[in-house]
Amino acid sequence: MNARHVLVIALLALAALFIGWFGPHPSPIAELLVFAAPPLALAMGVLRGVRVASFWAGVLALAWFSHGVMVAWSRPAERGFALAEVVLALVIVFAASLPGLRARFAKKRA
């Protein structure tokens, strides 16, 4: 399994997490559009081979990481969802960065 597959799986898992987290709320439409739609759109972009989709997934993962840490710290009832968000955000950052890191540190062939 390569980094692209891991990235797509992590983005879809994050979207599913947000749907499970915000779906039961009385008015989940805005929350689902703000939280679940971006990882779904980025997963579709990565699958289609759009190069900037991986970049934006990594950038947005930093915001998801920050959100997860903030919620885990401030709302104990939602700590499980928040920590899962933190873990998935870290997976997304590493999966989005891995191809560039491999290219950067690959041994140069003579």
N, C-alpha and C. Protein backbone atom coordinates (compact mmCIF):
# COMPACT_ATOMS: atom_id res chain seq x y z
N MET A 1 0.85 -1.17 0.00
CA MET A 1 0.00 0.00 0.00
C MET A 1 0.90 1.24 0.00
N ASN A 2 0.66 2.13 -0.95
CA ASN A 2 1.51 3.31 -1.02
C ASN A 2 0.90 4.48 -0.25
N ALA A 3 1.63 5.59 -0.19
CA ALA A 3 1.21 6.75 0.60
C ALA A 3 -0.10 7.34 0.09
N ARG A 4 -0.32 7.27 -1.21
CA ARG A 4 -1.56 7.81 -1.77
C ARG A 4 -2.78 7.04 -1.26
N HIS A 5 -2.67 5.73 -1.21
CA HIS A 5 -3.77 4.92 -0.70
C HIS A 5 -4.02 5.20 0.79
N VAL A 6 -2.96 5.32 1.55
CA VAL A 6 -3.09 5.63 2.97
C VAL A 6 -3.76 6.99 3.15
N LEU A 7 -3.38 7.95 2.31
CA LEU A 7 -3.96 9.29 2.39
C LEU A 7 -5.46 9.25 2.10
N VAL A 8 -5.85 8.54 1.06
CA VAL A 8 -7.27 8.44 0.71
C VAL A 8 -8.06 7.76 1.83
N ILE A 9 -7.52 6.68 2.37
CA ILE A 9 -8.21 5.96 3.44
C ILE A 9 -8.34 6.84 4.68
N ALA A 10 -7.28 7.58 5.02
CA ALA A 10 -7.33 8.45 6.20
C ALA A 10 -8.33 9.60 5.99
N LEU A 11 -8.38 10.16 4.79
CA LEU A 11 -9.34 11.23 4.52
C LEU A 11 -10.78 10.71 4.61
N LEU A 12 -11.03 9.53 4.06
CA LEU A 12 -12.37 8.96 4.14
C LEU A 12 -12.73 8.59 5.59
N ALA A 13 -11.77 8.11 6.33
CA ALA A 13 -12.01 7.79 7.74
C ALA A 13 -12.31 9.06 8.54
N LEU A 14 -11.61 10.14 8.22
CA LEU A 14 -11.86 11.41 8.90
C LEU A 14 -13.26 11.93 8.58
N ALA A 15 -13.66 11.83 7.32
CA ALA A 15 -15.02 12.24 6.94
C ALA A 15 -16.06 11.40 7.67
N ALA A 16 -15.83 10.09 7.75
CA ALA A 16 -16.76 9.21 8.48
C ALA A 16 -16.79 9.56 9.97
N LEU A 17 -15.64 9.90 10.52
CA LEU A 17 -15.59 10.31 11.92
C LEU A 17 -16.44 11.56 12.14
N PHE A 18 -16.30 12.54 11.25
CA PHE A 18 -17.08 13.77 11.39
C PHE A 18 -18.57 13.51 11.22
N ILE A 19 -18.93 12.61 10.31
CA ILE A 19 -20.35 12.28 10.13
C ILE A 19 -20.89 11.62 11.39
N GLY A 20 -20.13 10.72 11.98
CA GLY A 20 -20.57 10.09 13.22
C GLY A 20 -20.59 11.04 14.40
N TRP A 21 -19.69 11.99 14.39
CA TRP A 21 -19.56 12.95 15.49
C TRP A 21 -20.67 14.00 15.44
N PHE A 22 -20.89 14.59 14.26
CA PHE A 22 -21.82 15.70 14.14
C PHE A 22 -23.18 15.30 13.59
N GLY A 23 -23.31 14.09 13.07
CA GLY A 23 -24.58 13.65 12.50
C GLY A 23 -25.74 13.66 13.48
N PRO A 24 -25.56 13.20 14.72
CA PRO A 24 -26.69 13.16 15.66
C PRO A 24 -27.15 14.54 16.17
N HIS A 25 -26.44 15.61 15.87
CA HIS A 25 -26.85 16.93 16.35
C HIS A 25 -28.17 17.35 15.72
N PRO A 26 -28.90 18.24 16.38
CA PRO A 26 -30.21 18.66 15.85
C PRO A 26 -30.14 19.31 14.47
N SER A 27 -29.09 20.08 14.21
CA SER A 27 -28.95 20.75 12.91
C SER A 27 -27.55 20.50 12.37
N PRO A 28 -27.30 19.31 11.81
CA PRO A 28 -25.93 18.94 11.45
C PRO A 28 -25.47 19.45 10.08
N ILE A 29 -26.34 20.08 9.30
CA ILE A 29 -25.98 20.41 7.92
C ILE A 29 -24.74 21.30 7.84
N ALA A 30 -24.72 22.40 8.58
CA ALA A 30 -23.58 23.31 8.52
C ALA A 30 -22.31 22.62 9.02
N GLU A 31 -22.43 21.86 10.09
CA GLU A 31 -21.26 21.19 10.64
C GLU A 31 -20.71 20.15 9.66
N LEU A 32 -21.61 19.41 9.03
CA LEU A 32 -21.16 18.41 8.06
C LEU A 32 -20.54 19.05 6.83
N LEU A 33 -21.09 20.18 6.39
CA LEU A 33 -20.50 20.87 5.24
C LEU A 33 -19.11 21.42 5.57
N VAL A 34 -18.96 21.94 6.77
CA VAL A 34 -17.67 22.52 7.17
C VAL A 34 -16.64 21.44 7.48
N PHE A 35 -17.07 20.35 8.11
CA PHE A 35 -16.11 19.34 8.55
C PHE A 35 -16.00 18.13 7.62
N ALA A 36 -17.10 17.56 7.19
CA ALA A 36 -17.04 16.30 6.43
C ALA A 36 -16.80 16.52 4.94
N ALA A 37 -17.28 17.61 4.37
CA ALA A 37 -17.13 17.82 2.93
C ALA A 37 -15.68 18.01 2.48
N PRO A 38 -14.86 18.80 3.19
CA PRO A 38 -13.47 18.97 2.71
C PRO A 38 -12.67 17.67 2.61
N PRO A 39 -12.68 16.78 3.62
CA PRO A 39 -11.91 15.55 3.43
C PRO A 39 -12.46 14.66 2.31
N LEU A 40 -13.78 14.68 2.11
CA LEU A 40 -14.35 13.91 1.01
C LEU A 40 -13.90 14.46 -0.34
N ALA A 41 -13.93 15.78 -0.48
CA ALA A 41 -13.49 16.41 -1.73
C ALA A 41 -12.01 16.17 -1.98
N LEU A 42 -11.21 16.26 -0.92
CA LEU A 42 -9.77 16.01 -1.08
C LEU A 42 -9.49 14.55 -1.43
N ALA A 43 -10.24 13.62 -0.85
CA ALA A 43 -10.06 12.21 -1.19
C ALA A 43 -10.37 11.97 -2.66
N MET A 44 -11.43 12.61 -3.15
CA MET A 44 -11.75 12.47 -4.58
C MET A 44 -10.64 13.08 -5.44
N GLY A 45 -10.09 14.21 -5.01
CA GLY A 45 -9.00 14.83 -5.75
C GLY A 45 -7.76 13.96 -5.78
N VAL A 46 -7.42 13.36 -4.66
CA VAL A 46 -6.25 12.47 -4.61
C VAL A 46 -6.46 11.27 -5.51
N LEU A 47 -7.68 10.71 -5.48
CA LEU A 47 -7.97 9.55 -6.35
C LEU A 47 -7.88 9.91 -7.83
N ARG A 48 -8.27 11.12 -8.18
CA ARG A 48 -8.21 11.55 -9.58
C ARG A 48 -6.81 11.98 -10.00
N GLY A 49 -5.89 12.07 -9.07
CA GLY A 49 -4.53 12.43 -9.39
C GLY A 49 -4.26 13.93 -9.42
N VAL A 50 -5.13 14.71 -8.80
CA VAL A 50 -4.92 16.15 -8.71
C VAL A 50 -3.77 16.39 -7.73
N ARG A 51 -2.68 16.95 -8.21
CA ARG A 51 -1.47 17.07 -7.40
C ARG A 51 -1.66 17.97 -6.18
N VAL A 52 -2.42 19.05 -6.31
CA VAL A 52 -2.57 19.96 -5.18
C VAL A 52 -3.48 19.40 -4.09
N ALA A 53 -4.22 18.35 -4.38
CA ALA A 53 -5.11 17.77 -3.37
C ALA A 53 -4.31 17.24 -2.18
N SER A 54 -3.20 16.59 -2.44
CA SER A 54 -2.36 16.09 -1.34
C SER A 54 -1.79 17.24 -0.52
N PHE A 55 -1.37 18.30 -1.21
CA PHE A 55 -0.84 19.47 -0.51
C PHE A 55 -1.90 20.05 0.42
N TRP A 56 -3.11 20.28 -0.11
CA TRP A 56 -4.16 20.88 0.70
C TRP A 56 -4.64 19.95 1.80
N ALA A 57 -4.56 18.66 1.58
CA ALA A 57 -4.89 17.71 2.64
C ALA A 57 -3.92 17.88 3.81
N GLY A 58 -2.64 18.02 3.48
CA GLY A 58 -1.64 18.24 4.53
C GLY A 58 -1.84 19.55 5.26
N VAL A 59 -2.18 20.60 4.53
CA VAL A 59 -2.41 21.91 5.15
C VAL A 59 -3.64 21.86 6.05
N LEU A 60 -4.74 21.32 5.54
CA LEU A 60 -5.96 21.26 6.35
C LEU A 60 -5.80 20.31 7.54
N ALA A 61 -4.94 19.30 7.40
CA ALA A 61 -4.72 18.38 8.51
C ALA A 61 -4.13 19.11 9.71
N LEU A 62 -3.38 20.15 9.47
CA LEU A 62 -2.85 20.94 10.60
C LEU A 62 -3.99 21.61 11.36
N ALA A 63 -5.00 22.09 10.64
CA ALA A 63 -6.18 22.67 11.30
C ALA A 63 -6.98 21.60 12.02
N TRP A 64 -7.14 20.43 11.38
CA TRP A 64 -7.87 19.34 12.04
C TRP A 64 -7.15 18.89 13.30
N PHE A 65 -5.83 18.84 13.25
CA PHE A 65 -5.04 18.49 14.43
C PHE A 65 -5.30 19.49 15.55
N SER A 66 -5.24 20.77 15.22
CA SER A 66 -5.46 21.82 16.23
C SER A 66 -6.87 21.73 16.80
N HIS A 67 -7.85 21.51 15.95
CA HIS A 67 -9.23 21.38 16.41
C HIS A 67 -9.37 20.19 17.35
N GLY A 68 -8.78 19.07 16.98
CA GLY A 68 -8.87 17.89 17.82
C GLY A 68 -8.23 18.09 19.19
N VAL A 69 -7.07 18.74 19.22
CA VAL A 69 -6.40 19.00 20.50
C VAL A 69 -7.26 19.93 21.35
N MET A 70 -7.83 20.97 20.73
CA MET A 70 -8.64 21.93 21.46
C MET A 70 -9.89 21.25 22.06
N VAL A 71 -10.56 20.43 21.27
CA VAL A 71 -11.77 19.75 21.76
C VAL A 71 -11.42 18.72 22.83
N ALA A 72 -10.34 17.99 22.63
CA ALA A 72 -9.94 16.99 23.63
C ALA A 72 -9.62 17.66 24.97
N TRP A 73 -9.07 18.84 24.90
CA TRP A 73 -8.69 19.57 26.11
C TRP A 73 -9.91 20.19 26.80
N SER A 74 -10.87 20.69 26.01
CA SER A 74 -11.94 21.50 26.59
C SER A 74 -13.27 20.77 26.77
N ARG A 75 -13.50 19.65 26.08
CA ARG A 75 -14.78 18.95 26.17
C ARG A 75 -14.55 17.47 26.45
N PRO A 76 -14.50 17.09 27.71
CA PRO A 76 -14.22 15.68 28.04
C PRO A 76 -15.21 14.69 27.44
N ALA A 77 -16.46 15.09 27.24
CA ALA A 77 -17.45 14.17 26.69
C ALA A 77 -17.15 13.79 25.24
N GLU A 78 -16.42 14.65 24.53
CA GLU A 78 -16.10 14.42 23.12
C GLU A 78 -14.64 14.03 22.90
N ARG A 79 -13.96 13.69 23.97
CA ARG A 79 -12.53 13.42 23.90
C ARG A 79 -12.17 12.27 22.97
N GLY A 80 -12.98 11.23 22.93
CA GLY A 80 -12.70 10.09 22.05
C GLY A 80 -12.72 10.49 20.58
N PHE A 81 -13.75 11.24 20.17
CA PHE A 81 -13.81 11.72 18.80
C PHE A 81 -12.62 12.63 18.50
N ALA A 82 -12.31 13.51 19.46
CA ALA A 82 -11.23 14.47 19.24
C ALA A 82 -9.87 13.79 19.10
N LEU A 83 -9.61 12.80 19.92
CA LEU A 83 -8.32 12.11 19.82
C LEU A 83 -8.23 11.29 18.53
N ALA A 84 -9.34 10.74 18.09
CA ALA A 84 -9.35 10.06 16.79
C ALA A 84 -9.06 11.05 15.67
N GLU A 85 -9.60 12.26 15.79
CA GLU A 85 -9.31 13.31 14.80
C GLU A 85 -7.83 13.67 14.80
N VAL A 86 -7.22 13.75 15.96
CA VAL A 86 -5.79 14.06 16.07
C VAL A 86 -4.96 12.98 15.39
N VAL A 87 -5.27 11.72 15.66
CA VAL A 87 -4.51 10.61 15.06
C VAL A 87 -4.66 10.61 13.54
N LEU A 88 -5.89 10.78 13.06
CA LEU A 88 -6.10 10.80 11.61
C LEU A 88 -5.42 12.00 10.96
N ALA A 89 -5.40 13.13 11.64
CA ALA A 89 -4.72 14.31 11.10
C ALA A 89 -3.22 14.05 10.97
N LEU A 90 -2.64 13.38 11.95
CA LEU A 90 -1.21 13.05 11.87
C LEU A 90 -0.93 12.08 10.73
N VAL A 91 -1.80 11.09 10.55
CA VAL A 91 -1.64 10.15 9.44
C VAL A 91 -1.72 10.89 8.11
N ILE A 92 -2.65 11.85 8.01
CA ILE A 92 -2.80 12.61 6.77
C ILE A 92 -1.56 13.46 6.50
N VAL A 93 -1.03 14.11 7.51
CA VAL A 93 0.18 14.93 7.32
C VAL A 93 1.33 14.06 6.82
N PHE A 94 1.55 12.92 7.45
CA PHE A 94 2.67 12.06 7.04
C PHE A 94 2.43 11.43 5.67
N ALA A 95 1.21 11.00 5.39
CA ALA A 95 0.93 10.39 4.08
C ALA A 95 1.03 11.42 2.96
N ALA A 96 0.62 12.65 3.23
CA ALA A 96 0.71 13.70 2.21
C ALA A 96 2.16 14.13 1.99
N SER A 97 2.98 14.05 3.02
CA SER A 97 4.37 14.51 2.93
C SER A 97 5.34 13.43 2.46
N LEU A 98 4.98 12.17 2.58
CA LEU A 98 5.92 11.08 2.31
C LEU A 98 6.50 11.08 0.90
N PRO A 99 5.70 11.28 -0.15
CA PRO A 99 6.32 11.29 -1.49
C PRO A 99 7.38 12.38 -1.65
N GLY A 100 7.11 13.55 -1.12
CA GLY A 100 8.09 14.63 -1.20
C GLY A 100 9.33 14.34 -0.37
N LEU A 101 9.15 13.75 0.79
CA LEU A 101 10.30 13.39 1.62
C LEU A 101 11.15 12.32 0.96
N ARG A 102 10.48 11.35 0.34
CA ARG A 102 11.24 10.31 -0.36
C ARG A 102 12.04 10.90 -1.51
N ALA A 103 11.43 11.81 -2.25
CA ALA A 103 12.14 12.44 -3.38
C ALA A 103 13.29 13.30 -2.89
N ARG A 104 13.08 13.99 -1.80
CA ARG A 104 14.11 14.88 -1.27
C ARG A 104 15.32 14.12 -0.76
N PHE A 105 15.09 13.02 -0.08
CA PHE A 105 16.19 12.29 0.55
C PHE A 105 16.61 11.02 -0.19
N ALA A 106 16.13 10.84 -1.38
CA ALA A 106 16.53 9.69 -2.17
C ALA A 106 18.00 9.83 -2.56
N LYS A 107 18.66 8.71 -2.66
CA LYS A 107 20.06 8.74 -3.08
C LYS A 107 20.13 9.11 -4.55
N LYS A 108 21.01 10.00 -4.85
CA LYS A 108 21.18 10.42 -6.24
C LYS A 108 21.98 9.35 -6.99
N ARG A 109 21.47 9.00 -8.15
CA ARG A 109 22.14 7.98 -8.96
C ARG A 109 23.09 8.66 -9.93
N ALA A 110 24.23 8.09 -10.06
CA ALA A 110 25.25 8.70 -10.92
C ALA A 110 25.04 8.39 -12.38
